Amino acid sequence: MESIGVLMTCPMNPYLEQELAKRFTLHRLWKVPDKSTFLTAHRNSIRAVVGSSSAGADAELIEALPKLEIVASFSVGLDKIDLAKCKEKGIRVTNTPDVLTDDAADLAVGLMLAVLRKLCESDRHVRSGKWKKGTYMLTTKVEAMWQRNVWLLLLLSPHHIHHFSTRNAVCHCHSPFLHHCFFFTFQYLSFPNSNMESIGVLMACPMNPYLEQELDKRFTLHRFWKVPEKSTFLTTHCNSIRAVVGNASSGADAQMIEALPKLEIVASFSVGLDKIDLAKCKEKGIRVTNTPDVLTEDVADLAIGLMLAVLRKLCESDRYVRSGKWKKGSYMLTTKCFCVLDDFDEISLSGLLLDFAEFVFLITSQVIALWVCGLLVAALVYLVSFRSRKQAKEFGTVMPDDYAVIVADFTSFTGKRVGIIGLGRIGMAIAKRAEAFSCPISYHSRTEKTETKYKYYPSVVELAANCDILVVACSLTEETRHIVNRKVIDALGAKGVLINIGRGPHVDEPELVSALVERRIGGAGLDVFEHEPEVPEELFGLDNVVLLPHVGSGTVETRKAMADLVLGNLEAHFMNKPLLTPVV
């Protein structure tokens, strides 16, 4: 076959080019200064054309090559090939279906989450250092039902509802979460009790404008962060403050609780309680509430978004397009570590990246390269190409000097083994979503959950050693502080990805930074940090990490629902009604 002429119309994939050059007489059309002269000179030797989604075989090219027998497209699309002319001339045409389906679908979901939850914009916000200057904007809620092989998505906005369908199924979601919120909002908030206006409520730090506004309407609100002399203030108001509203950043420690002898309730604008001294509250008979359930879906969505953003390098790709570098050359990425559900060997993959603005499918290109070569060989000499991934080996890739490229690790999400630390409400919601991507799920928690089918590991190190993506979704306690340490990071390994949507102190941050810098871990998606809003500056220049400003529940809809829960709990307490979400 070495004498058979094959014309490659444009730069596509280094591995494909290398293999074509080994097997055939390869002509690179983009390197030819005078194309018409070249085609005339080689018109009788070129029997195959390899094209892509950018350049294929039009009628003019086909007419110029009378010996042309096959056009093999390095793409599933055929719009760059004149199919009518090929049929007329009896020329065979092939493309690369199926092998890119999962990656394209992964990317579609990743782009939806990236746009709705502003992942790339959030990443830029943290890297620029702006988070230290103030809180970040809220985004749009994605309420989803995730099922194996089918996901149904409902986007909510104040004025319209958009329905998305897959596999001819349309989702109309009757949300228990929304119904619950509306129920308690109507029951407790529609008719504010004027007798509560004299009750002093201390708001520990800035949280949410709507919550602050509504507290101000119903109670005598004190904004603690605006107080210059806090100890004097607490002494002055110690007998009037009966409630404290805290969040994930600032709550009620033992010192504050002791300073407020009339304190009756601490309402957390968060599901986490690590900023509240629960033991002291129990000792003093102080009620404690939080905001569970209403934020579960958003945090789980963000976890999936971070997985896709890290594995598919969405934020890095977005920066590449915005910088104008795409016009200067192809953005070609190599990839490794494609995990399948069987005991197949790993294979090396590479792909073309997207125009983020116009959503060009990202292709698992090394598989496609094998497919193209296999089709050419089969068509010309009736050989059979690779029959299974088990036959494939990990290929090294050589980049020709004339490629304007960026090289980066880039990998598929579908089929990855996902390990979850903490299988509570949020952990289960993440597992349900990951199952839709055919991801095997395993977990670690204080005790094994007999009601679940997921594999349990008794230690975090064992869990990390047996997953590709490790998600932190547990509560922060003294036992779980630095639950992800060097041993866990090393067990996760150079191809593993860490996702933290729990709390920053769950992870030994210096160890994680060191592992990311030294590439001892594949990547990380971080929504939380150990000393927020301080973020280690060593992370800002890394391309294997996505950084978010603690926005797990940061959608307009969910933050309002959380605020309504805080208000509902306070009013229920002071009206001597059952608390909506009691903790203590």
Protein backbone atom coordinates (compact mmCIF):
# COMPACT_ATOMS: atom_id res chain seq x y z
CA MET A 1 0.00 0.00 0.00
CA GLU A 2 2.99 2.32 0.27
CA SER A 3 2.63 3.29 -3.38
CA ILE A 4 -1.02 4.32 -2.97
CA GLY A 5 -1.38 8.10 -2.90
CA VAL A 6 -3.48 9.56 -0.06
CA LEU A 7 -4.27 13.28 0.05
CA MET A 8 -4.76 14.85 3.49
CA THR A 9 -6.64 18.12 2.98
CA CYS A 10 -5.69 19.97 6.19
CA PRO A 11 -3.96 19.47 9.57
CA MET A 12 -6.11 17.18 11.72
CA ASN A 13 -4.40 14.87 14.12
CA PRO A 14 -0.66 14.14 14.53
CA TYR A 15 -1.21 10.44 15.18
CA LEU A 16 -3.45 10.07 12.11
CA GLU A 17 -0.92 11.91 9.95
CA GLN A 18 1.90 9.76 11.30
CA GLU A 19 0.05 6.50 10.62
CA LEU A 20 -1.06 7.55 7.13
CA ALA A 21 2.56 8.42 6.29
CA LYS A 22 3.64 4.95 7.45
CA ARG A 23 1.06 3.07 5.38
CA PHE A 24 0.64 5.15 2.22
CA THR A 25 2.29 7.82 0.12
CA LEU A 26 0.91 10.80 1.99
CA HIS A 27 0.44 14.23 0.41
CA ARG A 28 -0.28 17.20 2.69
CA LEU A 29 -2.41 19.60 0.65
CA TRP A 30 -2.07 22.54 3.08
CA LYS A 31 1.72 22.57 2.51
CA VAL A 32 1.40 22.81 -1.27
CA PRO A 33 2.04 26.38 -2.57
CA ASP A 34 0.38 25.84 -5.98
CA LYS A 35 -2.50 23.44 -5.47
CA SER A 36 -3.76 23.26 -9.06
CA THR A 37 -0.29 22.38 -10.39
CA PHE A 38 0.11 19.80 -7.63
CA LEU A 39 -3.25 18.13 -8.40
CA THR A 40 -2.40 17.97 -12.10
CA ALA A 41 0.96 16.34 -11.35
CA HIS A 42 -0.52 13.72 -8.98
CA ARG A 43 -3.94 13.19 -10.53
CA ASN A 44 -3.25 9.58 -11.48
CA SER A 45 -1.63 8.48 -8.21
CA ILE A 46 -4.02 9.84 -5.57
CA ARG A 47 -6.65 7.21 -4.81
CA ALA A 48 -7.89 8.43 -1.43
CA VAL A 49 -8.70 11.73 0.25
CA VAL A 50 -8.82 12.23 4.03
CA GLY A 51 -10.86 15.25 5.05
CA SER A 52 -12.35 16.72 8.21
CA SER A 53 -15.09 19.06 9.36
CA SER A 54 -12.96 21.96 8.07
CA ALA A 55 -11.87 20.72 4.63
CA GLY A 56 -13.14 17.72 2.71
CA ALA A 57 -13.63 16.97 -0.98
CA ASP A 58 -15.68 19.36 -3.08
CA ALA A 59 -16.72 18.83 -6.70
CA GLU A 60 -13.64 20.66 -8.02
CA LEU A 61 -11.24 18.44 -6.07
CA ILE A 62 -13.10 15.28 -7.06
CA GLU A 63 -13.02 16.22 -10.76
CA ALA A 64 -9.28 16.90 -10.51
CA LEU A 65 -8.59 13.35 -9.24
CA PRO A 66 -9.84 10.81 -11.80
CA LYS A 67 -8.37 7.84 -9.87
CA LEU A 68 -10.05 8.78 -6.61
CA GLU A 69 -11.75 5.75 -4.99
CA ILE A 70 -12.55 6.77 -1.41
CA VAL A 71 -13.05 9.88 0.73
CA ALA A 72 -12.57 9.17 4.44
CA SER A 73 -13.82 11.90 6.75
CA PHE A 74 -12.09 12.47 10.11
CA SER A 75 -15.47 13.62 11.41
CA VAL A 76 -19.02 12.43 11.72
CA GLY A 77 -20.19 15.37 9.60
CA LEU A 78 -20.17 15.14 5.82
CA ASP A 79 -21.01 18.72 4.86
CA LYS A 80 -17.51 19.32 3.45
CA ILE A 81 -17.87 16.42 0.98
CA ASP A 82 -19.86 16.65 -2.26
CA LEU A 83 -21.85 13.44 -1.75
CA ALA A 84 -23.76 13.82 -5.00
CA LYS A 85 -20.54 14.01 -6.99
CA CYS A 86 -19.13 11.00 -5.11
CA LYS A 87 -22.23 8.95 -5.93
CA GLU A 88 -22.01 10.01 -9.56
CA LYS A 89 -18.36 8.92 -9.75
CA GLY A 90 -18.80 5.74 -7.69
CA ILE A 91 -16.47 7.01 -4.97
CA ARG A 92 -16.83 5.46 -1.52
CA VAL A 93 -17.37 7.79 1.47
CA THR A 94 -16.82 7.00 5.16
CA ASN A 95 -17.09 8.96 8.39
CA THR A 96 -16.44 8.36 12.12
CA PRO A 97 -19.76 7.80 13.94
CA ASP A 98 -20.33 6.25 17.39
CA VAL A 99 -16.78 6.69 18.72
CA LEU A 100 -17.45 10.37 19.44
CA THR A 101 -21.05 10.11 20.69
CA ASP A 102 -20.34 9.97 24.41
CA ASP A 103 -17.75 12.75 24.29
CA ALA A 104 -20.07 15.05 22.34
CA ALA A 105 -22.92 14.34 24.77
CA ASP A 106 -20.62 14.94 27.76
CA LEU A 107 -19.57 18.24 26.25
CA ALA A 108 -23.17 19.31 25.65
CA VAL A 109 -23.99 18.80 29.33
CA GLY A 110 -20.72 20.45 30.34
CA LEU A 111 -21.51 23.52 28.25
CA MET A 112 -25.03 23.79 29.67
CA LEU A 113 -23.68 23.71 33.21
CA ALA A 114 -20.78 26.01 32.34
CA VAL A 115 -23.14 28.62 30.89
CA LEU A 116 -25.91 28.40 33.49
CA ARG A 117 -23.56 28.23 36.47
CA LYS A 118 -20.97 30.59 34.92
CA LEU A 119 -18.10 28.19 35.60
CA CYS A 120 -15.54 29.88 33.36
CA GLU A 121 -16.48 33.36 34.53
CA SER A 122 -16.27 32.19 38.15
CA ASP A 123 -12.86 30.66 37.50
CA ARG A 124 -11.64 33.97 36.03
CA HIS A 125 -13.08 35.81 39.06
CA VAL A 126 -11.04 33.70 41.50
CA ARG A 127 -7.82 33.74 39.43
CA SER A 128 -7.99 37.53 39.14
CA GLY A 129 -8.07 37.91 42.93
CA LYS A 130 -11.45 39.69 42.87
CA TRP A 131 -13.09 37.24 45.28
CA LYS A 132 -11.20 38.84 48.17
CA LYS A 133 -12.89 42.16 47.31
CA GLY A 134 -16.46 40.90 47.61
CA THR A 135 -18.94 38.10 47.00
CA TYR A 136 -19.63 36.75 43.54
CA MET A 137 -22.87 37.07 41.57
CA LEU A 138 -25.59 34.44 41.69
CA THR A 139 -26.32 32.26 38.68
CA THR A 140 -29.27 30.32 37.26
CA LYS A 141 -30.71 27.18 38.77
CA VAL A 142 -30.67 23.92 36.86
CA GLU A 143 -33.28 21.51 38.16
CA ALA A 144 -32.67 18.08 36.71
CA MET A 145 -33.78 14.48 36.85
CA TRP A 146 -30.82 12.22 36.04
CA GLN A 147 -31.38 8.63 35.02
CA ARG A 148 -29.15 6.03 33.44
CA ASN A 149 -29.00 6.64 29.67
CA VAL A 150 -31.58 9.44 29.91
CA TRP A 151 -31.33 12.85 31.51
CA LEU A 152 -34.19 15.30 31.59
CA LEU A 153 -33.45 18.93 32.16
CA LEU A 154 -35.65 21.79 33.28
CA LEU A 155 -34.33 25.34 33.36
CA LEU A 156 -36.17 27.76 35.60
CA SER A 157 -36.23 31.53 35.30
CA PRO A 158 -38.61 34.09 36.82
CA HIS A 159 -40.56 34.50 33.60
CA HIS A 160 -40.31 31.34 31.56
CA ILE A 161 -39.72 27.62 31.72
CA HIS A 162 -37.66 25.95 29.00
CA HIS A 163 -38.10 22.23 28.42
CA PHE A 164 -35.25 20.16 27.01
CA SER A 165 -35.77 16.68 25.64
CA THR A 166 -33.51 13.71 24.98
CA ARG A 167 -34.36 10.41 23.33
CA ASN A 168 -37.79 11.84 22.43
CA ALA A 169 -38.63 12.29 26.13
CA VAL A 170 -39.73 15.68 27.40
CA CYS A 171 -39.41 16.59 31.06
CA HIS A 172 -42.14 18.34 32.94
CA CYS A 173 -40.87 18.37 36.48
CA HIS A 174 -43.28 18.76 39.38
CA SER A 175 -40.65 19.76 41.92
CA PRO A 176 -41.09 18.64 45.53
CA PHE A 177 -38.45 21.23 46.45
CA LEU A 178 -40.41 24.11 44.93
CA HIS A 179 -43.69 22.90 46.39
CA HIS A 180 -42.09 22.69 49.85
CA CYS A 181 -40.65 26.19 49.55
CA PHE A 182 -43.95 27.67 48.41
CA PHE A 183 -45.78 25.85 51.21
CA PHE A 184 -43.74 27.20 54.07
CA THR A 185 -43.37 30.61 52.45
CA PHE A 186 -47.14 30.92 52.34
CA GLN A 187 -47.65 29.45 55.79
CA TYR A 188 -45.10 31.54 57.65
CA LEU A 189 -44.08 34.49 55.53
CA SER A 190 -47.19 35.84 53.91
CA PHE A 191 -48.46 37.48 57.05
CA PRO A 192 -45.56 38.93 59.08
CA ASN A 193 -46.32 39.28 62.76
CA SER A 194 -45.97 42.90 63.84
CA ASN A 195 -45.19 41.75 67.38
CA MET A 196 -41.80 40.50 66.16
CA GLU A 197 -40.47 43.91 65.19
CA SER A 198 -38.95 44.42 68.64
CA ILE A 199 -37.05 41.12 68.56
CA GLY A 200 -33.35 41.66 68.03
CA VAL A 201 -31.72 39.54 65.31
CA LEU A 202 -27.97 39.59 64.79
CA MET A 203 -26.77 38.89 61.23
CA ALA A 204 -23.18 37.67 61.48
CA CYS A 205 -21.93 38.70 58.03
CA PRO A 206 -23.19 39.76 54.57
CA MET A 207 -25.09 36.86 52.99
CA ASN A 208 -27.98 37.63 50.72
CA PRO A 209 -29.70 40.97 49.94
CA TYR A 210 -33.17 39.45 49.92
CA LEU A 211 -32.64 37.78 53.31
CA GLU A 212 -31.22 40.97 54.80
CA GLN A 213 -34.15 43.00 53.46
CA GLU A 214 -36.77 40.57 54.79
CA LEU A 215 -35.11 40.32 58.22
CA ASP A 216 -35.09 44.10 58.38
CA LYS A 217 -38.84 44.17 57.68
CA ARG A 218 -39.75 41.62 60.34
CA PHE A 219 -37.28 42.19 63.17
CA THR A 220 -34.84 44.67 64.64
CA LEU A 221 -31.84 43.70 62.55
CA HIS A 222 -28.25 44.24 63.66
CA ARG A 223 -25.51 43.89 61.01
CA PHE A 224 -22.54 42.59 62.96
CA TRP A 225 -19.98 43.18 60.21
CA LYS A 226 -20.70 46.91 60.29
CA VAL A 227 -20.01 47.20 64.01
CA PRO A 228 -16.57 48.78 64.73
CA GLU A 229 -16.35 47.69 68.38
CA LYS A 230 -17.94 44.27 68.61
CA SER A 231 -17.46 43.52 72.30
CA THR A 232 -19.00 46.85 73.31
CA PHE A 233 -21.89 46.26 70.92
CA LEU A 234 -22.61 42.80 72.36
CA THR A 235 -22.56 44.18 75.91
CA THR A 236 -25.01 46.94 74.93
CA HIS A 237 -27.44 44.62 73.12
CA CYS A 238 -26.99 41.44 75.13
CA ASN A 239 -30.55 41.51 76.49
CA SER A 240 -32.33 42.33 73.22
CA ILE A 241 -30.73 39.91 70.74
CA ARG A 242 -32.72 36.68 70.70
CA ALA A 243 -31.60 35.25 67.35
CA VAL A 244 -28.39 34.94 65.34
CA VAL A 245 -28.32 34.33 61.58
CA GLY A 246 -25.03 32.83 60.36
CA ASN A 247 -23.70 31.04 57.29
CA ALA A 248 -20.78 28.94 56.08
CA SER A 249 -18.34 31.79 56.77
CA SER A 250 -19.51 33.11 60.13
CA GLY A 251 -21.88 31.64 62.69
CA ALA A 252 -22.08 31.56 66.49
CA ASP A 253 -19.07 30.39 68.46
CA ALA A 254 -18.96 29.78 72.22
CA GLN A 255 -17.77 33.33 72.93
CA MET A 256 -20.70 34.91 71.10
CA ILE A 257 -23.21 32.53 72.67
CA GLU A 258 -21.93 33.37 76.17
CA ALA A 259 -22.17 37.09 75.37
CA LEU A 260 -25.88 36.82 74.47
CA PRO A 261 -27.79 35.47 77.49
CA LYS A 262 -31.19 35.95 75.81
CA LEU A 263 -30.23 34.03 72.66
CA GLU A 264 -32.93 31.49 71.73
CA ILE A 265 -32.15 30.38 68.18
CA VAL A 266 -29.28 30.26 65.68
CA ALA A 267 -30.49 30.00 62.09
CA SER A 268 -27.82 29.02 59.57
CA PHE A 269 -28.06 30.27 55.99
CA SER A 270 -26.23 27.09 54.99
CA VAL A 271 -26.50 23.35 55.31
CA GLY A 272 -23.15 23.18 57.08
CA LEU A 273 -22.96 23.74 60.83
CA ASP A 274 -19.20 23.88 61.39
CA LYS A 275 -19.34 27.60 62.29
CA ILE A 276 -21.80 26.99 65.12
CA ASP A 277 -20.80 25.61 68.53
CA LEU A 278 -23.48 22.92 68.68
CA ALA A 279 -22.34 21.63 72.07
CA LYS A 280 -22.70 25.07 73.62
CA CYS A 281 -26.14 25.50 72.01
CA LYS A 282 -27.30 22.19 73.46
CA GLU A 283 -25.95 23.16 76.86
CA LYS A 284 -27.84 26.48 76.78
CA GLY A 285 -31.03 25.07 75.24
CA ILE A 286 -30.60 27.21 72.11
CA ARG A 287 -32.37 25.95 69.00
CA VAL A 288 -30.36 25.54 65.78
CA THR A 289 -31.65 25.29 62.20
CA ASN A 290 -30.03 25.02 58.77
CA THR A 291 -31.12 24.92 55.12
CA PRO A 292 -30.96 21.32 53.87
CA ASP A 293 -32.64 19.89 50.76
CA VAL A 294 -33.22 23.21 48.98
CA LEU A 295 -29.55 23.43 47.96
CA THR A 296 -28.93 19.72 47.28
CA GLU A 297 -29.68 19.84 43.55
CA ASP A 298 -27.59 22.94 42.88
CA VAL A 299 -24.54 21.60 44.72
CA ALA A 300 -24.84 18.25 42.94
CA ASP A 301 -25.15 20.03 39.58
CA LEU A 302 -22.03 22.03 40.35
CA ALA A 303 -20.11 18.87 41.25
CA ILE A 304 -20.91 17.38 37.84
CA GLY A 305 -20.07 20.70 36.20
CA LEU A 306 -16.67 20.73 37.91
CA MET A 307 -15.96 17.16 36.79
CA LEU A 308 -16.71 18.07 33.18
CA ALA A 309 -14.90 21.40 33.38
CA VAL A 310 -11.71 19.76 34.69
CA LEU A 311 -11.76 16.68 32.44
CA ARG A 312 -12.78 18.56 29.28
CA LYS A 313 -10.77 21.69 30.11
CA LEU A 314 -13.73 23.98 29.45
CA CYS A 315 -12.30 27.01 31.24
CA GLU A 316 -8.89 26.66 29.62
CA SER A 317 -10.56 26.29 26.23
CA ASP A 318 -12.73 29.34 26.90
CA ARG A 319 -9.63 31.39 27.73
CA TYR A 320 -7.95 30.15 24.54
CA VAL A 321 -10.82 31.28 22.31
CA ARG A 322 -11.27 34.63 24.11
CA SER A 323 -7.56 35.39 23.75
CA GLY A 324 -7.82 35.17 19.95
CA LYS A 325 -5.23 32.36 19.78
CA TRP A 326 -7.57 30.02 17.92
CA LYS A 327 -7.21 32.15 14.77
CA LYS A 328 -3.46 31.55 14.88
CA GLY A 329 -3.68 27.78 14.76
CA SER A 330 -5.61 24.64 15.64
CA TYR A 331 -6.24 23.89 19.30
CA MET A 332 -5.30 20.23 19.31
CA LEU A 333 -5.28 18.33 22.55
CA THR A 334 -3.90 14.96 23.49
CA THR A 335 -5.63 12.80 26.03
CA LYS A 336 -4.99 9.72 28.06
CA CYS A 337 -6.76 7.60 30.65
CA PHE A 338 -10.04 6.70 28.99
CA CYS A 339 -11.73 4.34 31.46
CA VAL A 340 -14.27 1.75 30.37
CA LEU A 341 -16.55 -0.43 32.39
CA ASP A 342 -14.76 -3.69 31.48
CA ASP A 343 -11.19 -4.78 32.07
CA PHE A 344 -10.07 -3.20 28.80
CA ASP A 345 -6.58 -1.77 28.63
CA GLU A 346 -6.10 1.97 28.53
CA ILE A 347 -5.70 3.59 25.17
CA SER A 348 -4.27 6.93 24.25
CA LEU A 349 -6.73 9.42 22.84
CA SER A 350 -6.47 12.88 21.37
CA GLY A 351 -8.99 15.38 20.18
CA LEU A 352 -9.89 18.64 18.60
CA LEU A 353 -11.23 21.35 20.87
CA LEU A 354 -14.34 23.44 20.55
CA ASP A 355 -15.16 26.92 19.54
CA PHE A 356 -16.71 27.66 22.94
CA ALA A 357 -19.03 30.30 21.49
CA GLU A 358 -20.50 28.15 18.75
CA PHE A 359 -20.26 24.70 20.39
CA VAL A 360 -18.15 22.66 17.98
CA PHE A 361 -18.05 19.04 19.05
CA LEU A 362 -14.90 17.90 20.72
CA ILE A 363 -13.79 14.62 19.14
CA THR A 364 -12.06 11.69 20.75
CA SER A 365 -9.59 11.85 17.95
CA GLN A 366 -7.11 9.06 18.49
CA VAL A 367 -9.96 6.55 18.36
CA ILE A 368 -11.23 8.33 15.26
CA ALA A 369 -7.74 8.28 13.77
CA LEU A 370 -7.65 4.52 14.18
CA TRP A 371 -11.11 4.36 12.61
CA VAL A 372 -10.08 6.43 9.57
CA CYS A 373 -6.93 4.40 8.97
CA GLY A 374 -8.86 1.18 9.43
CA LEU A 375 -11.52 2.21 6.93
CA LEU A 376 -8.93 3.18 4.35
CA VAL A 377 -7.06 -0.09 4.74
CA ALA A 378 -10.28 -2.09 4.63
CA ALA A 379 -11.53 -0.31 1.54
CA LEU A 380 -8.29 -0.63 -0.37
CA VAL A 381 -6.95 -4.07 0.59
CA TYR A 382 -9.83 -5.63 2.59
CA LEU A 383 -8.04 -5.64 5.91
CA VAL A 384 -9.90 -5.43 9.19
CA SER A 385 -9.01 -2.64 11.61
CA PHE A 386 -9.08 -2.77 15.40
CA ARG A 387 -12.03 -4.74 16.71
CA SER A 388 -12.00 -3.71 20.35
CA ARG A 389 -10.36 -1.31 22.72
CA LYS A 390 -8.61 -4.29 24.29
CA GLN A 391 -6.48 -4.63 21.16
CA ALA A 392 -5.37 -1.00 21.28
CA LYS A 393 -2.17 0.15 22.96
CA GLU A 394 -1.19 3.47 24.40
CA PHE A 395 0.25 5.47 21.54
CA GLY A 396 2.84 8.20 21.83
CA THR A 397 2.14 11.28 19.77
CA VAL A 398 4.68 13.33 17.85
CA MET A 399 3.74 16.91 17.01
CA PRO A 400 5.11 18.14 13.66
CA ASP A 401 6.90 21.48 13.86
CA ASP A 402 4.42 23.25 11.59
CA TYR A 403 1.42 22.62 13.85
CA ALA A 404 0.33 25.65 15.85
CA VAL A 405 -0.89 23.71 18.83
CA ILE A 406 -1.41 23.54 22.55
CA VAL A 407 -0.79 20.20 24.20
CA ALA A 408 -2.83 19.32 27.28
CA ASP A 409 -4.21 16.33 29.10
CA PHE A 410 -7.78 15.91 28.01
CA THR A 411 -10.07 13.08 28.88
CA SER A 412 -13.58 11.70 28.64
CA PHE A 413 -16.05 11.70 31.53
CA THR A 414 -18.37 8.89 30.49
CA GLY A 415 -17.45 5.65 32.23
CA LYS A 416 -15.13 7.19 34.81
CA ARG A 417 -15.16 5.58 38.25
CA VAL A 418 -16.57 8.12 40.70
CA GLY A 419 -15.81 7.81 44.42
CA ILE A 420 -17.82 9.91 46.87
CA ILE A 421 -16.79 10.78 50.42
CA GLY A 422 -20.08 11.17 52.28
CA LEU A 423 -23.21 9.61 50.84
CA GLY A 424 -25.77 11.96 52.38
CA ARG A 425 -28.34 14.03 50.50
CA ILE A 426 -25.79 15.78 48.30
CA GLY A 427 -23.62 12.69 47.83
CA MET A 428 -26.62 10.66 46.68
CA ALA A 429 -27.68 13.42 44.28
CA ILE A 430 -24.17 13.47 42.78
CA ALA A 431 -24.21 9.68 42.44
CA LYS A 432 -27.56 9.78 40.65
CA ARG A 433 -26.24 12.31 38.14
CA ALA A 434 -22.96 10.49 37.58
CA GLU A 435 -24.86 7.27 36.86
CA ALA A 436 -26.39 9.01 33.86
CA PHE A 437 -22.87 9.07 32.40
CA SER A 438 -22.43 5.30 32.98
CA CYS A 439 -20.03 5.99 35.84
CA PRO A 440 -19.53 3.18 38.39
CA ILE A 441 -20.14 4.65 41.86
CA SER A 442 -18.36 3.83 45.12
CA TYR A 443 -18.30 5.65 48.43
CA HIS A 444 -16.92 6.02 51.93
CA SER A 445 -18.94 7.11 54.94
CA ARG A 446 -18.90 6.53 58.70
CA THR A 447 -20.94 3.37 58.22
CA GLU A 448 -21.92 1.25 55.23
CA LYS A 449 -25.37 2.08 53.84
CA THR A 450 -27.15 -1.22 53.30
CA GLU A 451 -29.95 0.38 51.28
CA THR A 452 -27.65 1.43 48.43
CA LYS A 453 -26.20 -0.69 45.62
CA TYR A 454 -22.95 1.33 45.47
CA LYS A 455 -19.67 -0.26 46.52
CA TYR A 456 -18.49 0.72 49.99
CA TYR A 457 -14.86 1.21 51.00
CA PRO A 458 -14.02 1.33 54.71
CA SER A 459 -11.24 3.90 54.23
CA VAL A 460 -10.78 6.98 52.10
CA VAL A 461 -7.38 5.73 50.89
CA GLU A 462 -9.00 2.55 49.51
CA LEU A 463 -11.74 4.62 47.89
CA ALA A 464 -9.21 6.94 46.25
CA ALA A 465 -7.17 4.01 44.96
CA ASN A 466 -10.23 2.58 43.24
CA CYS A 467 -11.70 5.65 41.53
CA ASP A 468 -10.78 8.13 38.82
CA ILE A 469 -12.71 11.04 40.33
CA LEU A 470 -12.86 11.58 44.09
CA VAL A 471 -15.67 13.86 45.31
CA VAL A 472 -15.73 15.39 48.80
CA ALA A 473 -19.37 15.75 49.90
CA CYS A 474 -19.33 15.09 53.66
CA SER A 475 -19.96 17.39 56.62
CA LEU A 476 -17.00 19.14 58.19
CA THR A 477 -16.22 17.79 61.66
CA GLU A 478 -13.03 17.27 63.60
CA GLU A 479 -12.97 13.72 62.21
CA THR A 480 -13.29 14.87 58.58
CA ARG A 481 -10.85 17.79 58.78
CA HIS A 482 -8.04 17.04 56.29
CA ILE A 483 -9.78 13.78 55.40
CA VAL A 484 -8.07 14.22 52.02
CA ASN A 485 -4.38 14.18 52.92
CA ARG A 486 -1.17 13.22 51.13
CA LYS A 487 -1.90 9.49 51.41
CA VAL A 488 -5.30 9.95 49.79
CA ILE A 489 -3.89 12.22 47.06
CA ASP A 490 -1.13 9.72 46.29
CA ALA A 491 -3.68 6.89 46.16
CA LEU A 492 -5.78 8.90 43.70
CA GLY A 493 -2.68 9.24 41.53
CA ALA A 494 -1.43 11.17 38.54
CA LYS A 495 -4.53 10.47 36.46
CA GLY A 496 -7.05 11.11 39.22
CA VAL A 497 -9.23 14.19 39.72
CA LEU A 498 -10.34 15.67 43.06
CA ILE A 499 -13.64 17.56 43.32
CA ASN A 500 -14.35 19.48 46.55
CA ILE A 501 -17.84 20.91 47.04
CA GLY A 502 -17.80 20.27 50.79
CA ARG A 503 -15.64 22.57 52.90
CA GLY A 504 -12.10 23.79 52.34
CA PRO A 505 -10.64 22.23 55.51
CA HIS A 506 -11.68 18.78 54.27
CA VAL A 507 -8.50 18.91 52.17
CA ASP A 508 -4.93 19.43 53.30
CA GLU A 509 -4.54 22.42 51.00
CA PRO A 510 -0.71 22.71 50.92
CA GLU A 511 -0.49 19.01 50.03
CA LEU A 512 -3.05 19.44 47.26
CA VAL A 513 -1.28 22.50 45.85
CA SER A 514 2.01 20.61 45.85
CA ALA A 515 0.43 17.62 44.10
CA LEU A 516 -1.16 19.82 41.42
CA VAL A 517 2.03 21.76 40.76
CA GLU A 518 4.09 18.57 40.59
CA ARG A 519 1.40 16.79 38.52
CA ARG A 520 1.16 13.99 41.08
CA ILE A 521 -2.60 14.37 40.67
CA GLY A 522 -4.37 14.80 37.34
CA GLY A 523 -6.52 17.79 38.25
CA ALA A 524 -8.93 19.37 40.71
CA GLY A 525 -12.23 21.21 40.69
CA LEU A 526 -12.48 23.35 43.82
CA ASP A 527 -15.49 25.33 45.00
CA VAL A 528 -14.17 25.72 48.54
CA PHE A 529 -10.85 26.59 50.13
CA GLU A 530 -9.27 26.30 53.54
CA HIS A 531 -9.02 30.05 54.24
CA GLU A 532 -11.71 31.66 52.10
CA PRO A 533 -11.63 33.98 50.29
CA GLU A 534 -7.85 33.51 50.31
CA VAL A 535 -6.84 31.10 47.54
CA PRO A 536 -3.26 29.82 47.13
CA GLU A 537 -1.72 31.93 44.38
CA GLU A 538 0.21 28.91 43.10
CA LEU A 539 -3.11 27.64 41.70
CA PHE A 540 -3.78 30.71 39.55
CA GLY A 541 -1.33 29.76 36.81
CA LEU A 542 -2.24 26.07 36.63
CA ASP A 543 -4.22 24.59 33.74
CA ASN A 544 -5.22 21.43 35.62
CA VAL A 545 -7.52 23.12 38.12
CA VAL A 546 -10.88 24.92 38.02
CA LEU A 547 -11.40 27.45 40.83
CA LEU A 548 -14.83 28.67 41.94
CA PRO A 549 -15.71 31.22 44.67
CA HIS A 550 -17.85 28.91 46.89
CA VAL A 551 -20.94 29.03 44.69
CA GLY A 552 -22.28 25.51 45.20
CA SER A 553 -25.71 26.83 46.16
CA GLY A 554 -25.15 30.14 44.39
CA THR A 555 -28.23 30.43 42.21
CA VAL A 556 -30.87 33.12 42.57
CA GLU A 557 -33.62 30.56 43.06
CA THR A 558 -31.85 28.45 45.66
CA ARG A 559 -30.51 31.36 47.69
CA LYS A 560 -34.05 32.77 47.89
CA ALA A 561 -35.35 29.37 48.98
CA MET A 562 -32.60 29.21 51.61
CA ALA A 563 -33.48 32.71 52.80
CA ASP A 564 -37.14 31.74 53.05
CA LEU A 565 -36.14 28.74 55.17
CA VAL A 566 -34.19 30.98 57.56
CA LEU A 567 -37.12 33.40 57.79
CA GLY A 568 -39.61 30.56 58.17
CA ASN A 569 -37.60 28.98 60.98
CA LEU A 570 -37.26 32.27 62.86
CA GLU A 571 -40.95 33.10 62.57
CA ALA A 572 -41.97 29.54 63.48
CA HIS A 573 -39.81 29.73 66.60
CA PHE A 574 -41.14 33.08 67.77
CA MET A 575 -44.74 32.03 66.99
CA ASN A 576 -44.22 28.83 69.04
CA LYS A 577 -44.72 26.61 65.99
CA PRO A 578 -42.63 23.59 64.96
CA LEU A 579 -39.33 24.47 63.31
CA LEU A 580 -39.07 23.69 59.61
CA THR A 581 -35.54 22.26 59.67
CA PRO A 582 -34.43 21.73 63.28
CA VAL A 583 -30.91 20.54 64.10
CA VAL A 584 -30.85 21.22 67.86
